[in-house]
Amino acid sequence: LFLTALTSCEYFEKQKVSSEEILSEETRELNWQEVDQYPAFEE
């Protein structure tokens, strides 16, 4: 039980994700052919 607990601690480690990886993922998922807000005149 003690040996199993020592080897299974790897499951509890947190993976660090860099901001570059997050940005890269977001960029791939964005639809660059559409805009959130169209150009507009005042009215």
PDB file of all heavy atoms in Angstrom:
ATOM      1  N   LEU A   1       0.821  -1.199   0.000  1.00  0.00           N
ATOM      2  CA  LEU A   1       0.000   0.000   0.000  1.00  0.00           C
ATOM      3  C   LEU A   1       0.862   1.260   0.000  1.00  0.00           C
ATOM      4  O   LEU A   1       0.575   2.216  -0.716  1.00  0.00           O
ATOM      5  CB  LEU A   1      -0.908  -0.010   1.245  1.00  0.00           C
ATOM      6  CG  LEU A   1      -2.269   0.612   1.038  1.00  0.00           C
ATOM      7  CD1 LEU A   1      -3.125  -0.282   0.192  1.00  0.00           C
ATOM      8  CD2 LEU A   1      -2.905   0.899   2.357  1.00  0.00           C
ATOM      9  N   PHE A   2       1.906   1.235   0.802  1.00  0.00           N
ATOM     10  CA  PHE A   2       2.826   2.375   0.869  1.00  0.00           C
ATOM     11  C   PHE A   2       3.533   2.591  -0.467  1.00  0.00           C
ATOM     12  O   PHE A   2       3.621   3.713  -0.956  1.00  0.00           O
ATOM     13  CB  PHE A   2       3.838   2.150   2.011  1.00  0.00           C
ATOM     14  CG  PHE A   2       4.806   3.280   2.164  1.00  0.00           C
ATOM     15  CD1 PHE A   2       4.386   4.511   2.636  1.00  0.00           C
ATOM     16  CD2 PHE A   2       6.141   3.113   1.815  1.00  0.00           C
ATOM     17  CE1 PHE A   2       5.273   5.559   2.772  1.00  0.00           C
ATOM     18  CE2 PHE A   2       7.034   4.154   1.945  1.00  0.00           C
ATOM     19  CZ  PHE A   2       6.602   5.388   2.429  1.00  0.00           C
ATOM     20  N   LEU A   3       4.014   1.534  -1.105  1.00  0.00           N
ATOM     21  CA  LEU A   3       4.689   1.639  -2.406  1.00  0.00           C
ATOM     22  C   LEU A   3       3.717   2.110  -3.497  1.00  0.00           C
ATOM     23  O   LEU A   3       4.068   2.914  -4.355  1.00  0.00           O
ATOM     24  CB  LEU A   3       5.325   0.300  -2.787  1.00  0.00           C
ATOM     25  CG  LEU A   3       6.549  -0.106  -1.965  1.00  0.00           C
ATOM     26  CD1 LEU A   3       7.006  -1.493  -2.358  1.00  0.00           C
ATOM     27  CD2 LEU A   3       7.669   0.889  -2.143  1.00  0.00           C
ATOM     28  N   THR A   4       2.493   1.631  -3.447  1.00  0.00           N
ATOM     29  CA  THR A   4       1.482   2.052  -4.414  1.00  0.00           C
ATOM     30  C   THR A   4       1.188   3.539  -4.249  1.00  0.00           C
ATOM     31  O   THR A   4       1.057   4.269  -5.229  1.00  0.00           O
ATOM     32  CB  THR A   4       0.196   1.235  -4.214  1.00  0.00           C
ATOM     33  OG1 THR A   4       0.509  -0.147  -4.267  1.00  0.00           O
ATOM     34  CG2 THR A   4      -0.830   1.549  -5.280  1.00  0.00           C
ATOM     35  N   ALA A   5       1.098   3.983  -3.026  1.00  0.00           N
ATOM     36  CA  ALA A   5       0.830   5.394  -2.764  1.00  0.00           C
ATOM     37  C   ALA A   5       1.967   6.264  -3.266  1.00  0.00           C
ATOM     38  O   ALA A   5       1.739   7.344  -3.809  1.00  0.00           O
ATOM     39  CB  ALA A   5       0.602   5.618  -1.272  1.00  0.00           C
ATOM     40  N   LEU A   6       3.195   5.825  -3.119  1.00  0.00           N
ATOM     41  CA  LEU A   6       4.339   6.600  -3.600  1.00  0.00           C
ATOM     42  C   LEU A   6       4.363   6.701  -5.109  1.00  0.00           C
ATOM     43  O   LEU A   6       4.656   7.756  -5.671  1.00  0.00           O
ATOM     44  CB  LEU A   6       5.652   5.977  -3.105  1.00  0.00           C
ATOM     45  CG  LEU A   6       6.023   6.230  -1.656  1.00  0.00           C
ATOM     46  CD1 LEU A   6       7.318   5.491  -1.307  1.00  0.00           C
ATOM     47  CD2 LEU A   6       6.185   7.698  -1.392  1.00  0.00           C
ATOM     48  N   THR A   7       4.051   5.617  -5.793  1.00  0.00           N
ATOM     49  CA  THR A   7       4.100   5.636  -7.257  1.00  0.00           C
ATOM     50  C   THR A   7       2.886   6.330  -7.857  1.00  0.00           C
ATOM     51  O   THR A   7       2.944   6.849  -8.956  1.00  0.00           O
ATOM     52  CB  THR A   7       4.206   4.209  -7.824  1.00  0.00           C
ATOM     53  OG1 THR A   7       3.109   3.447  -7.352  1.00  0.00           O
ATOM     54  CG2 THR A   7       5.516   3.565  -7.441  1.00  0.00           C
ATOM     55  N   SER A   8       1.776   6.357  -7.151  1.00  0.00           N
ATOM     56  CA  SER A   8       0.574   6.985  -7.694  1.00  0.00           C
ATOM     57  C   SER A   8       0.529   8.489  -7.447  1.00  0.00           C
ATOM     58  O   SER A   8      -0.396   9.142  -7.878  1.00  0.00           O
ATOM     59  CB  SER A   8      -0.668   6.318  -7.126  1.00  0.00           C
ATOM     60  OG  SER A   8      -0.741   6.537  -5.737  1.00  0.00           O
ATOM     61  N   CYS A   9       1.490   9.029  -6.786  1.00  0.00           N
ATOM     62  CA  CYS A   9       1.515  10.476  -6.548  1.00  0.00           C
ATOM     63  C   CYS A   9       1.640  11.257  -7.847  1.00  0.00           C
ATOM     64  O   CYS A   9       1.298  12.426  -7.912  1.00  0.00           O
ATOM     65  CB  CYS A   9       2.659  10.852  -5.609  1.00  0.00           C
ATOM     66  SG  CYS A   9       2.305  10.404  -3.898  1.00  0.00           S
ATOM     67  N   GLU A  10       2.124  10.603  -8.891  1.00  0.00           N
ATOM     68  CA  GLU A  10       2.250  11.279 -10.183  1.00  0.00           C
ATOM     69  C   GLU A  10       0.886  11.709 -10.713  1.00  0.00           C
ATOM     70  O   GLU A  10       0.775  12.656 -11.457  1.00  0.00           O
ATOM     71  CB  GLU A  10       2.915  10.343 -11.189  1.00  0.00           C
ATOM     72  CG  GLU A  10       4.352  10.040 -10.854  1.00  0.00           C
ATOM     73  CD  GLU A  10       4.950   8.992 -11.791  1.00  0.00           C
ATOM     74  OE1 GLU A  10       4.323   8.680 -12.831  1.00  0.00           O
ATOM     75  OE2 GLU A  10       6.027   8.505 -11.477  1.00  0.00           O
ATOM     76  N   TYR A  11      -0.175  10.985 -10.326  1.00  0.00           N
ATOM     77  CA  TYR A  11      -1.510  11.335 -10.793  1.00  0.00           C
ATOM     78  C   TYR A  11      -1.997  12.659 -10.221  1.00  0.00           C
ATOM     79  O   TYR A  11      -2.885  13.285 -10.753  1.00  0.00           O
ATOM     80  CB  TYR A  11      -2.513  10.234 -10.436  1.00  0.00           C
ATOM     81  CG  TYR A  11      -2.245   8.935 -11.148  1.00  0.00           C
ATOM     82  CD1 TYR A  11      -1.882   7.798 -10.438  1.00  0.00           C
ATOM     83  CD2 TYR A  11      -2.342   8.850 -12.533  1.00  0.00           C
ATOM     84  CE1 TYR A  11      -1.635   6.602 -11.076  1.00  0.00           C
ATOM     85  CE2 TYR A  11      -2.092   7.662 -13.184  1.00  0.00           C
ATOM     86  CZ  TYR A  11      -1.738   6.537 -12.456  1.00  0.00           C
ATOM     87  OH  TYR A  11      -1.495   5.366 -13.101  1.00  0.00           O
ATOM     88  N   PHE A  12      -1.426  13.069  -9.130  1.00  0.00           N
ATOM     89  CA  PHE A  12      -1.850  14.292  -8.476  1.00  0.00           C
ATOM     90  C   PHE A  12      -1.029  15.510  -8.871  1.00  0.00           C
ATOM     91  O   PHE A  12      -1.320  16.606  -8.448  1.00  0.00           O
ATOM     92  CB  PHE A  12      -1.811  14.124  -6.951  1.00  0.00           C
ATOM     93  CG  PHE A  12      -2.735  13.047  -6.472  1.00  0.00           C
ATOM     94  CD1 PHE A  12      -2.243  11.852  -5.972  1.00  0.00           C
ATOM     95  CD2 PHE A  12      -4.109  13.217  -6.552  1.00  0.00           C
ATOM     96  CE1 PHE A  12      -3.093  10.862  -5.546  1.00  0.00           C
ATOM     97  CE2 PHE A  12      -4.967  12.234  -6.119  1.00  0.00           C
ATOM     98  CZ  PHE A  12      -4.461  11.035  -5.617  1.00  0.00           C
ATOM     99  N   GLU A  13      -0.009  15.304  -9.672  1.00  0.00           N
ATOM    100  CA  GLU A  13       0.817  16.438 -10.106  1.00  0.00           C
ATOM    101  C   GLU A  13       0.020  17.296 -11.077  1.00  0.00           C
ATOM    102  O   GLU A  13      -0.709  16.791 -11.920  1.00  0.00           O
ATOM    103  CB  GLU A  13       2.095  15.947 -10.795  1.00  0.00           C
ATOM    104  CG  GLU A  13       3.115  15.406  -9.845  1.00  0.00           C
ATOM    105  CD  GLU A  13       4.400  15.019 -10.568  1.00  0.00           C
ATOM    106  OE1 GLU A  13       4.642  15.539 -11.673  1.00  0.00           O
ATOM    107  OE2 GLU A  13       5.134  14.217 -10.018  1.00  0.00           O
ATOM    108  N   LYS A  14       0.175  18.583 -10.973  1.00  0.00           N
ATOM    109  CA  LYS A  14      -0.502  19.505 -11.881  1.00  0.00           C
ATOM    110  C   LYS A  14       0.407  19.769 -13.071  1.00  0.00           C
ATOM    111  O   LYS A  14       1.604  19.946 -12.919  1.00  0.00           O
ATOM    112  CB  LYS A  14      -0.808  20.822 -11.173  1.00  0.00           C
ATOM    113  CG  LYS A  14      -1.862  20.697 -10.130  1.00  0.00           C
ATOM    114  CD  LYS A  14      -2.204  22.048  -9.571  1.00  0.00           C
ATOM    115  CE  LYS A  14      -3.263  21.914  -8.507  1.00  0.00           C
ATOM    116  NZ  LYS A  14      -3.617  23.192  -7.935  1.00  0.00           N
ATOM    117  N   GLN A  15      -0.217  19.792 -14.232  1.00  0.00           N
ATOM    118  CA  GLN A  15       0.537  20.111 -15.427  1.00  0.00           C
ATOM    119  C   GLN A  15       0.518  21.618 -15.618  1.00  0.00           C
ATOM    120  O   GLN A  15      -0.532  22.254 -15.549  1.00  0.00           O
ATOM    121  CB  GLN A  15      -0.132  19.467 -16.642  1.00  0.00           C
ATOM    122  CG  GLN A  15       0.741  18.515 -17.359  1.00  0.00           C
ATOM    123  CD  GLN A  15       0.028  17.996 -18.603  1.00  0.00           C
ATOM    124  OE1 GLN A  15      -1.100  18.331 -18.880  1.00  0.00           O
ATOM    125  NE2 GLN A  15       0.724  17.177 -19.338  1.00  0.00           N
ATOM    126  N   LYS A  16       1.669  22.179 -15.847  1.00  0.00           N
ATOM    127  CA  LYS A  16       1.739  23.611 -16.087  1.00  0.00           C
ATOM    128  C   LYS A  16       1.583  23.854 -17.587  1.00  0.00           C
ATOM    129  O   LYS A  16       2.206  23.200 -18.403  1.00  0.00           O
ATOM    130  CB  LYS A  16       3.082  24.170 -15.610  1.00  0.00           C
ATOM    131  CG  LYS A  16       3.235  24.124 -14.108  1.00  0.00           C
ATOM    132  CD  LYS A  16       4.507  24.788 -13.677  1.00  0.00           C
ATOM    133  CE  LYS A  16       4.631  24.756 -12.169  1.00  0.00           C
ATOM    134  NZ  LYS A  16       5.855  25.400 -11.716  1.00  0.00           N
ATOM    135  N   VAL A  17       0.730  24.826 -17.934  1.00  0.00           N
ATOM    136  CA  VAL A  17       0.489  25.178 -19.327  1.00  0.00           C
ATOM    137  C   VAL A  17       0.955  26.612 -19.514  1.00  0.00           C
ATOM    138  O   VAL A  17       0.540  27.509 -18.791  1.00  0.00           O
ATOM    139  CB  VAL A  17      -1.010  25.045 -19.680  1.00  0.00           C
ATOM    140  CG1 VAL A  17      -1.244  25.399 -21.128  1.00  0.00           C
ATOM    141  CG2 VAL A  17      -1.511  23.641 -19.385  1.00  0.00           C
ATOM    142  N   SER A  18       1.788  26.800 -20.496  1.00  0.00           N
ATOM    143  CA  SER A  18       2.322  28.147 -20.718  1.00  0.00           C
ATOM    144  C   SER A  18       1.281  29.023 -21.411  1.00  0.00           C
ATOM    145  O   SER A  18       0.367  28.540 -22.071  1.00  0.00           O
ATOM    146  CB  SER A  18       3.599  28.086 -21.555  1.00  0.00           C
ATOM    147  OG  SER A  18       3.286  27.742 -22.884  1.00  0.00           O
ATOM    148  N   SER A  19       1.436  30.313 -21.273  1.00  0.00           N
ATOM    149  CA  SER A  19       0.512  31.254 -21.905  1.00  0.00           C
ATOM    150  C   SER A  19       0.610  31.172 -23.431  1.00  0.00           C
ATOM    151  O   SER A  19      -0.365  31.386 -24.134  1.00  0.00           O
ATOM    152  CB  SER A  19       0.784  32.675 -21.424  1.00  0.00           C
ATOM    153  OG  SER A  19       2.111  33.049 -21.711  1.00  0.00           O
ATOM    154  N   GLU A  20       1.796  30.810 -23.942  1.00  0.00           N
ATOM    155  CA  GLU A  20       1.970  30.658 -25.388  1.00  0.00           C
ATOM    156  C   GLU A  20       1.122  29.498 -25.906  1.00  0.00           C
ATOM    157  O   GLU A  20       0.525  29.582 -26.980  1.00  0.00           O
ATOM    158  CB  GLU A  20       3.440  30.430 -25.761  1.00  0.00           C
ATOM    159  CG  GLU A  20       4.325  31.653 -25.612  1.00  0.00           C
ATOM    160  CD  GLU A  20       4.816  31.852 -24.184  1.00  0.00           C
ATOM    161  OE1 GLU A  20       4.793  30.895 -23.382  1.00  0.00           O
ATOM    162  OE2 GLU A  20       5.199  32.988 -23.860  1.00  0.00           O
ATOM    163  N   GLU A  21       1.058  28.399 -25.128  1.00  0.00           N
ATOM    164  CA  GLU A  21       0.248  27.252 -25.535  1.00  0.00           C
ATOM    165  C   GLU A  21      -1.237  27.609 -25.533  1.00  0.00           C
ATOM    166  O   GLU A  21      -1.979  27.221 -26.431  1.00  0.00           O
ATOM    167  CB  GLU A  21       0.498  26.062 -24.612  1.00  0.00           C
ATOM    168  CG  GLU A  21       1.853  25.426 -24.793  1.00  0.00           C
ATOM    169  CD  GLU A  21       2.106  24.303 -23.783  1.00  0.00           C
ATOM    170  OE1 GLU A  21       1.131  23.799 -23.192  1.00  0.00           O
ATOM    171  OE2 GLU A  21       3.275  23.950 -23.607  1.00  0.00           O
ATOM    172  N   ILE A  22      -1.661  28.364 -24.532  1.00  0.00           N
ATOM    173  CA  ILE A  22      -3.063  28.790 -24.463  1.00  0.00           C
ATOM    174  C   ILE A  22      -3.397  29.693 -25.650  1.00  0.00           C
ATOM    175  O   ILE A  22      -4.417  29.525 -26.310  1.00  0.00           O
ATOM    176  CB  ILE A  22      -3.361  29.506 -23.126  1.00  0.00           C
ATOM    177  CG1 ILE A  22      -3.230  28.521 -21.968  1.00  0.00           C
ATOM    178  CG2 ILE A  22      -4.746  30.142 -23.152  1.00  0.00           C
ATOM    179  CD1 ILE A  22      -3.294  29.166 -20.604  1.00  0.00           C
ATOM    180  N   LEU A  23      -2.523  30.644 -25.940  1.00  0.00           N
ATOM    181  CA  LEU A  23      -2.737  31.552 -27.065  1.00  0.00           C
ATOM    182  C   LEU A  23      -2.775  30.788 -28.379  1.00  0.00           C
ATOM    183  O   LEU A  23      -3.627  31.029 -29.228  1.00  0.00           O
ATOM    184  CB  LEU A  23      -1.633  32.617 -27.100  1.00  0.00           C
ATOM    185  CG  LEU A  23      -1.708  33.613 -28.248  1.00  0.00           C
ATOM    186  CD1 LEU A  23      -2.998  34.423 -28.163  1.00  0.00           C
ATOM    187  CD2 LEU A  23      -0.516  34.535 -28.242  1.00  0.00           C
ATOM    188  N   SER A  24      -1.880  29.844 -28.535  1.00  0.00           N
ATOM    189  CA  SER A  24      -1.830  29.042 -29.757  1.00  0.00           C
ATOM    190  C   SER A  24      -3.124  28.257 -29.938  1.00  0.00           C
ATOM    191  O   SER A  24      -3.681  28.198 -31.040  1.00  0.00           O
ATOM    192  CB  SER A  24      -0.632  28.097 -29.705  1.00  0.00           C
ATOM    193  OG  SER A  24      -0.621  27.262 -30.819  1.00  0.00           O
ATOM    194  N   GLU A  25      -3.612  27.663 -28.878  1.00  0.00           N
ATOM    195  CA  GLU A  25      -4.862  26.901 -28.923  1.00  0.00           C
ATOM    196  C   GLU A  25      -6.040  27.816 -29.254  1.00  0.00           C
ATOM    197  O   GLU A  25      -6.877  27.477 -30.080  1.00  0.00           O
ATOM    198  CB  GLU A  25      -5.091  26.200 -27.580  1.00  0.00           C
ATOM    199  CG  GLU A  25      -6.321  25.334 -27.533  1.00  0.00           C
ATOM    200  CD  GLU A  25      -6.227  24.104 -28.410  1.00  0.00           C
ATOM    201  OE1 GLU A  25      -5.101  23.632 -28.680  1.00  0.00           O
ATOM    202  OE2 GLU A  25      -7.292  23.626 -28.843  1.00  0.00           O
ATOM    203  N   GLU A  26      -6.117  28.964 -28.633  1.00  0.00           N
ATOM    204  CA  GLU A  26      -7.194  29.919 -28.893  1.00  0.00           C
ATOM    205  C   GLU A  26      -7.168  30.386 -30.340  1.00  0.00           C
ATOM    206  O   GLU A  26      -8.197  30.517 -30.985  1.00  0.00           O
ATOM    207  CB  GLU A  26      -7.066  31.140 -27.967  1.00  0.00           C
ATOM    208  CG  GLU A  26      -7.513  30.900 -26.557  1.00  0.00           C
ATOM    209  CD  GLU A  26      -9.015  30.861 -26.424  1.00  0.00           C
ATOM    210  OE1 GLU A  26      -9.698  31.691 -27.031  1.00  0.00           O
ATOM    211  OE2 GLU A  26      -9.495  29.977 -25.712  1.00  0.00           O
ATOM    212  N   THR A  27      -5.979  30.654 -30.863  1.00  0.00           N
ATOM    213  CA  THR A  27      -5.828  31.132 -32.231  1.00  0.00           C
ATOM    214  C   THR A  27      -6.314  30.085 -33.227  1.00  0.00           C
ATOM    215  O   THR A  27      -6.952  30.416 -34.218  1.00  0.00           O
ATOM    216  CB  THR A  27      -4.357  31.491 -32.511  1.00  0.00           C
ATOM    217  OG1 THR A  27      -3.953  32.474 -31.556  1.00  0.00           O
ATOM    218  CG2 THR A  27      -4.173  32.058 -33.898  1.00  0.00           C
ATOM    219  N   ARG A  28      -6.036  28.827 -32.957  1.00  0.00           N
ATOM    220  CA  ARG A  28      -6.491  27.757 -33.851  1.00  0.00           C
ATOM    221  C   ARG A  28      -8.009  27.623 -33.824  1.00  0.00           C
ATOM    222  O   ARG A  28      -8.623  27.295 -34.838  1.00  0.00           O
ATOM    223  CB  ARG A  28      -5.863  26.418 -33.445  1.00  0.00           C
ATOM    224  CG  ARG A  28      -4.465  26.231 -33.957  1.00  0.00           C
ATOM    225  CD  ARG A  28      -4.040  24.785 -33.791  1.00  0.00           C
ATOM    226  NE  ARG A  28      -4.106  24.335 -32.406  1.00  0.00           N
ATOM    227  CZ  ARG A  28      -3.085  24.307 -31.571  1.00  0.00           C
ATOM    228  NH1 ARG A  28      -1.906  24.688 -31.964  1.00  0.00           N
ATOM    229  NH2 ARG A  28      -3.240  23.880 -30.325  1.00  0.00           N
ATOM    230  N   GLU A  29      -8.624  27.873 -32.682  1.00  0.00           N
ATOM    231  CA  GLU A  29     -10.059  27.686 -32.540  1.00  0.00           C
ATOM    232  C   GLU A  29     -10.886  28.876 -33.022  1.00  0.00           C
ATOM    233  O   GLU A  29     -12.069  28.728 -33.294  1.00  0.00           O
ATOM    234  CB  GLU A  29     -10.410  27.387 -31.077  1.00  0.00           C
ATOM    235  CG  GLU A  29      -9.920  26.034 -30.622  1.00  0.00           C
ATOM    236  CD  GLU A  29     -10.206  25.769 -29.156  1.00  0.00           C
ATOM    237  OE1 GLU A  29     -10.876  26.588 -28.508  1.00  0.00           O
ATOM    238  OE2 GLU A  29      -9.747  24.734 -28.661  1.00  0.00           O
ATOM    239  N   LEU A  30     -10.297  30.058 -33.136  1.00  0.00           N
ATOM    240  CA  LEU A  30     -11.041  31.238 -33.560  1.00  0.00           C
ATOM    241  C   LEU A  30     -11.394  31.158 -35.037  1.00  0.00           C
ATOM    242  O   LEU A  30     -10.595  30.719 -35.858  1.00  0.00           O
ATOM    243  CB  LEU A  30     -10.213  32.509 -33.340  1.00  0.00           C
ATOM    244  CG  LEU A  30     -10.173  33.064 -31.932  1.00  0.00           C
ATOM    245  CD1 LEU A  30      -9.266  34.277 -31.880  1.00  0.00           C
ATOM    246  CD2 LEU A  30     -11.540  33.425 -31.430  1.00  0.00           C
ATOM    247  N   ASN A  31     -12.586  31.617 -35.385  1.00  0.00           N
ATOM    248  CA  ASN A  31     -12.991  31.721 -36.779  1.00  0.00           C
ATOM    249  C   ASN A  31     -12.621  33.132 -37.247  1.00  0.00           C
ATOM    250  O   ASN A  31     -13.321  34.093 -36.948  1.00  0.00           O
ATOM    251  CB  ASN A  31     -14.492  31.479 -36.924  1.00  0.00           C
ATOM    252  CG  ASN A  31     -14.942  31.546 -38.357  1.00  0.00           C
ATOM    253  OD1 ASN A  31     -14.187  31.908 -39.259  1.00  0.00           O
ATOM    254  ND2 ASN A  31     -16.188  31.196 -38.589  1.00  0.00           N
ATOM    255  N   TRP A  32     -11.544  33.231 -37.979  1.00  0.00           N
ATOM    256  CA  TRP A  32     -11.038  34.541 -38.401  1.00  0.00           C
ATOM    257  C   TRP A  32     -11.822  35.125 -39.566  1.00  0.00           C
ATOM    258  O   TRP A  32     -11.581  36.251 -39.985  1.00  0.00           O
ATOM    259  CB  TRP A  32      -9.555  34.453 -38.737  1.00  0.00           C
ATOM    260  CG  TRP A  32      -8.737  34.240 -37.510  1.00  0.00           C
ATOM    261  CD1 TRP A  32      -8.150  33.089 -37.091  1.00  0.00           C
ATOM    262  CD2 TRP A  32      -8.435  35.210 -36.501  1.00  0.00           C
ATOM    263  NE1 TRP A  32      -7.507  33.269 -35.900  1.00  0.00           N
ATOM    264  CE2 TRP A  32      -7.660  34.568 -35.511  1.00  0.00           C
ATOM    265  CE3 TRP A  32      -8.747  36.556 -36.333  1.00  0.00           C
ATOM    266  CZ2 TRP A  32      -7.196  35.220 -34.388  1.00  0.00           C
ATOM    267  CZ3 TRP A  32      -8.280  37.195 -35.208  1.00  0.00           C
ATOM    268  CH2 TRP A  32      -7.516  36.535 -34.258  1.00  0.00           C
ATOM    269  N   GLN A  33     -12.768  34.364 -40.126  1.00  0.00           N
ATOM    270  CA  GLN A  33     -13.568  34.867 -41.232  1.00  0.00           C
ATOM    271  C   GLN A  33     -14.790  35.640 -40.742  1.00  0.00           C
ATOM    272  O   GLN A  33     -15.483  36.255 -41.536  1.00  0.00           O
ATOM    273  CB  GLN A  33     -14.015  33.705 -42.125  1.00  0.00           C
ATOM    274  CG  GLN A  33     -12.862  32.926 -42.724  1.00  0.00           C
ATOM    275  CD  GLN A  33     -11.888  33.789 -43.490  1.00  0.00           C
ATOM    276  OE1 GLN A  33     -12.291  34.617 -44.305  1.00  0.00           O
ATOM    277  NE2 GLN A  33     -10.614  33.621 -43.231  1.00  0.00           N
ATOM    278  N   GLU A  34     -15.059  35.589 -39.453  1.00  0.00           N
ATOM    279  CA  GLU A  34     -16.197  36.304 -38.884  1.00  0.00           C
ATOM    280  C   GLU A  34     -15.724  37.274 -37.819  1.00  0.00           C
ATOM    281  O   GLU A  34     -14.722  37.037 -37.162  1.00  0.00           O
ATOM    282  CB  GLU A  34     -17.181  35.314 -38.257  1.00  0.00           C
ATOM    283  CG  GLU A  34     -17.852  34.411 -39.257  1.00  0.00           C
ATOM    284  CD  GLU A  34     -18.822  33.450 -38.607  1.00  0.00           C
ATOM    285  OE1 GLU A  34     -19.134  33.633 -37.415  1.00  0.00           O
ATOM    286  OE2 GLU A  34     -19.259  32.518 -39.287  1.00  0.00           O
ATOM    287  N   VAL A  35     -16.472  38.346 -37.670  1.00  0.00           N
ATOM    288  CA  VAL A  35     -16.150  39.335 -36.636  1.00  0.00           C
ATOM    289  C   VAL A  35     -17.214  39.284 -35.552  1.00  0.00           C
ATOM    290  O   VAL A  35     -18.331  38.825 -35.785  1.00  0.00           O
ATOM    291  CB  VAL A  35     -16.052  40.764 -37.230  1.00  0.00           C
ATOM    292  CG1 VAL A  35     -14.880  40.878 -38.173  1.00  0.00           C
ATOM    293  CG2 VAL A  35     -17.334  41.174 -37.915  1.00  0.00           C
ATOM    294  N   ASP A  36     -16.867  39.748 -34.373  1.00  0.00           N
ATOM    295  CA  ASP A  36     -17.833  39.803 -33.273  1.00  0.00           C
ATOM    296  C   ASP A  36     -18.765  40.995 -33.444  1.00  0.00           C
ATOM    297  O   ASP A  36     -19.928  40.944 -33.090  1.00  0.00           O
ATOM    298  CB  ASP A  36     -17.111  39.911 -31.932  1.00  0.00           C
ATOM    299  CG  ASP A  36     -16.264  38.686 -31.640  1.00  0.00           C
ATOM    300  OD1 ASP A  36     -16.552  37.605 -32.186  1.00  0.00           O
ATOM    301  OD2 ASP A  36     -15.303  38.813 -30.859  1.00  0.00           O
ATOM    302  N   GLN A  37     -18.221  42.078 -33.988  1.00  0.00           N
ATOM    303  CA  GLN A  37     -18.997  43.300 -34.184  1.00  0.00           C
ATOM    304  C   GLN A  37     -18.639  43.887 -35.543  1.00  0.00           C
ATOM    305  O   GLN A  37     -17.459  44.072 -35.859  1.00  0.00           O
ATOM    306  CB  GLN A  37     -18.664  44.287 -33.075  1.00  0.00           C
ATOM    307  CG  GLN A  37     -19.624  45.419 -32.963  1.00  0.00           C
ATOM    308  CD  GLN A  37     -19.348  46.234 -31.709  1.00  0.00           C
ATOM    309  OE1 GLN A  37     -18.206  46.391 -31.300  1.00  0.00           O
ATOM    310  NE2 GLN A  37     -20.396  46.754 -31.107  1.00  0.00           N
ATOM    311  N   TYR A  38     -19.654  44.149 -36.368  1.00  0.00           N
ATOM    312  CA  TYR A  38     -19.436  44.690 -37.710  1.00  0.00           C
ATOM    313  C   TYR A  38     -19.082  46.173 -37.646  1.00  0.00           C
ATOM    314  O   TYR A  38     -19.393  46.841 -36.660  1.00  0.00           O
ATOM    315  CB  TYR A  38     -20.698  44.498 -38.567  1.00  0.00           C
ATOM    316  CG  TYR A  38     -20.819  43.096 -39.087  1.00  0.00           C
ATOM    317  CD1 TYR A  38     -21.567  42.154 -38.405  1.00  0.00           C
ATOM    318  CD2 TYR A  38     -20.166  42.694 -40.236  1.00  0.00           C
ATOM    319  CE1 TYR A  38     -21.656  40.854 -38.852  1.00  0.00           C
ATOM    320  CE2 TYR A  38     -20.254  41.402 -40.692  1.00  0.00           C
ATOM    321  CZ  TYR A  38     -20.998  40.489 -40.005  1.00  0.00           C
ATOM    322  OH  TYR A  38     -21.085  39.202 -40.453  1.00  0.00           O
ATOM    323  N   PRO A  39     -18.465  46.684 -38.720  1.00  0.00           N
ATOM    324  CA  PRO A  39     -18.245  48.133 -38.750  1.00  0.00           C
ATOM    325  C   PRO A  39     -19.607  48.829 -38.680  1.00  0.00           C
ATOM    326  O   PRO A  39     -20.611  48.261 -39.100  1.00  0.00           O
ATOM    327  CB  PRO A  39     -17.572  48.394 -40.099  1.00  0.00           C
ATOM    328  CG  PRO A  39     -17.476  47.108 -40.795  1.00  0.00           C
ATOM    329  CD  PRO A  39     -18.033  46.037 -39.924  1.00  0.00           C
ATOM    330  N   ALA A  40     -19.615  50.032 -38.163  1.00  0.00           N
ATOM    331  CA  ALA A  40     -20.903  50.695 -37.973  1.00  0.00           C
ATOM    332  C   ALA A  40     -20.775  52.206 -38.074  1.00  0.00           C
ATOM    333  O   ALA A  40     -19.743  52.778 -37.747  1.00  0.00           O
ATOM    334  CB  ALA A  40     -21.475  50.330 -36.608  1.00  0.00           C
ATOM    335  N   PHE A  41     -21.859  52.813 -38.535  1.00  0.00           N
ATOM    336  CA  PHE A  41     -22.018  54.248 -38.437  1.00  0.00           C
ATOM    337  C   PHE A  41     -22.632  54.526 -37.075  1.00  0.00           C
ATOM    338  O   PHE A  41     -23.106  53.609 -36.399  1.00  0.00           O
ATOM    339  CB  PHE A  41     -22.929  54.769 -39.556  1.00  0.00           C
ATOM    340  CG  PHE A  41     -22.343  54.608 -40.927  1.00  0.00           C
ATOM    341  CD1 PHE A  41     -22.771  53.597 -41.769  1.00  0.00           C
ATOM    342  CD2 PHE A  41     -21.335  55.455 -41.362  1.00  0.00           C
ATOM    343  CE1 PHE A  41     -22.221  53.445 -43.027  1.00  0.00           C
ATOM    344  CE2 PHE A  41     -20.776  55.301 -42.615  1.00  0.00           C
ATOM    345  CZ  PHE A  41     -21.225  54.294 -43.454  1.00  0.00           C
ATOM    346  N   GLU A  42     -22.672  55.755 -36.667  1.00  0.00           N
ATOM    347  CA  GLU A  42     -23.172  56.118 -35.342  1.00  0.00           C
ATOM    348  C   GLU A  42     -24.572  55.537 -35.081  1.00  0.00           C
ATOM    349  O   GLU A  42     -24.826  54.981 -34.016  1.00  0.00           O
ATOM    350  CB  GLU A  42     -23.193  57.643 -35.188  1.00  0.00           C
ATOM    351  CG  GLU A  42     -23.560  58.116 -33.802  1.00  0.00           C
ATOM    352  CD  GLU A  42     -22.545  57.724 -32.735  1.00  0.00           C
ATOM    353  OE1 GLU A  42     -21.338  57.839 -32.982  1.00  0.00           O
ATOM    354  OE2 GLU A  42     -22.986  57.297 -31.656  1.00  0.00           O
ATOM    355  N   GLU A  43     -25.463  55.645 -36.068  1.00  0.00           N
ATOM    356  CA  GLU A  43     -26.844  55.193 -35.848  1.00  0.00           C
ATOM    357  C   GLU A  43     -26.998  53.665 -35.838  1.00  0.00           C
ATOM    358  O   GLU A  43     -28.060  53.161 -35.477  1.00  0.00           O
ATOM    359  CB  GLU A  43     -27.807  55.811 -36.879  1.00  0.00           C
ATOM    360  CG  GLU A  43     -27.407  55.615 -38.318  1.00  0.00           C
ATOM    361  CD  GLU A  43     -26.496  56.716 -38.860  1.00  0.00           C
ATOM    362  OE1 GLU A  43     -25.959  57.492 -38.075  1.00  0.00           O
ATOM    363  OE2 GLU A  43     -26.329  56.773 -40.069  1.00  0.00           O
TER     364      GLU A  43
END
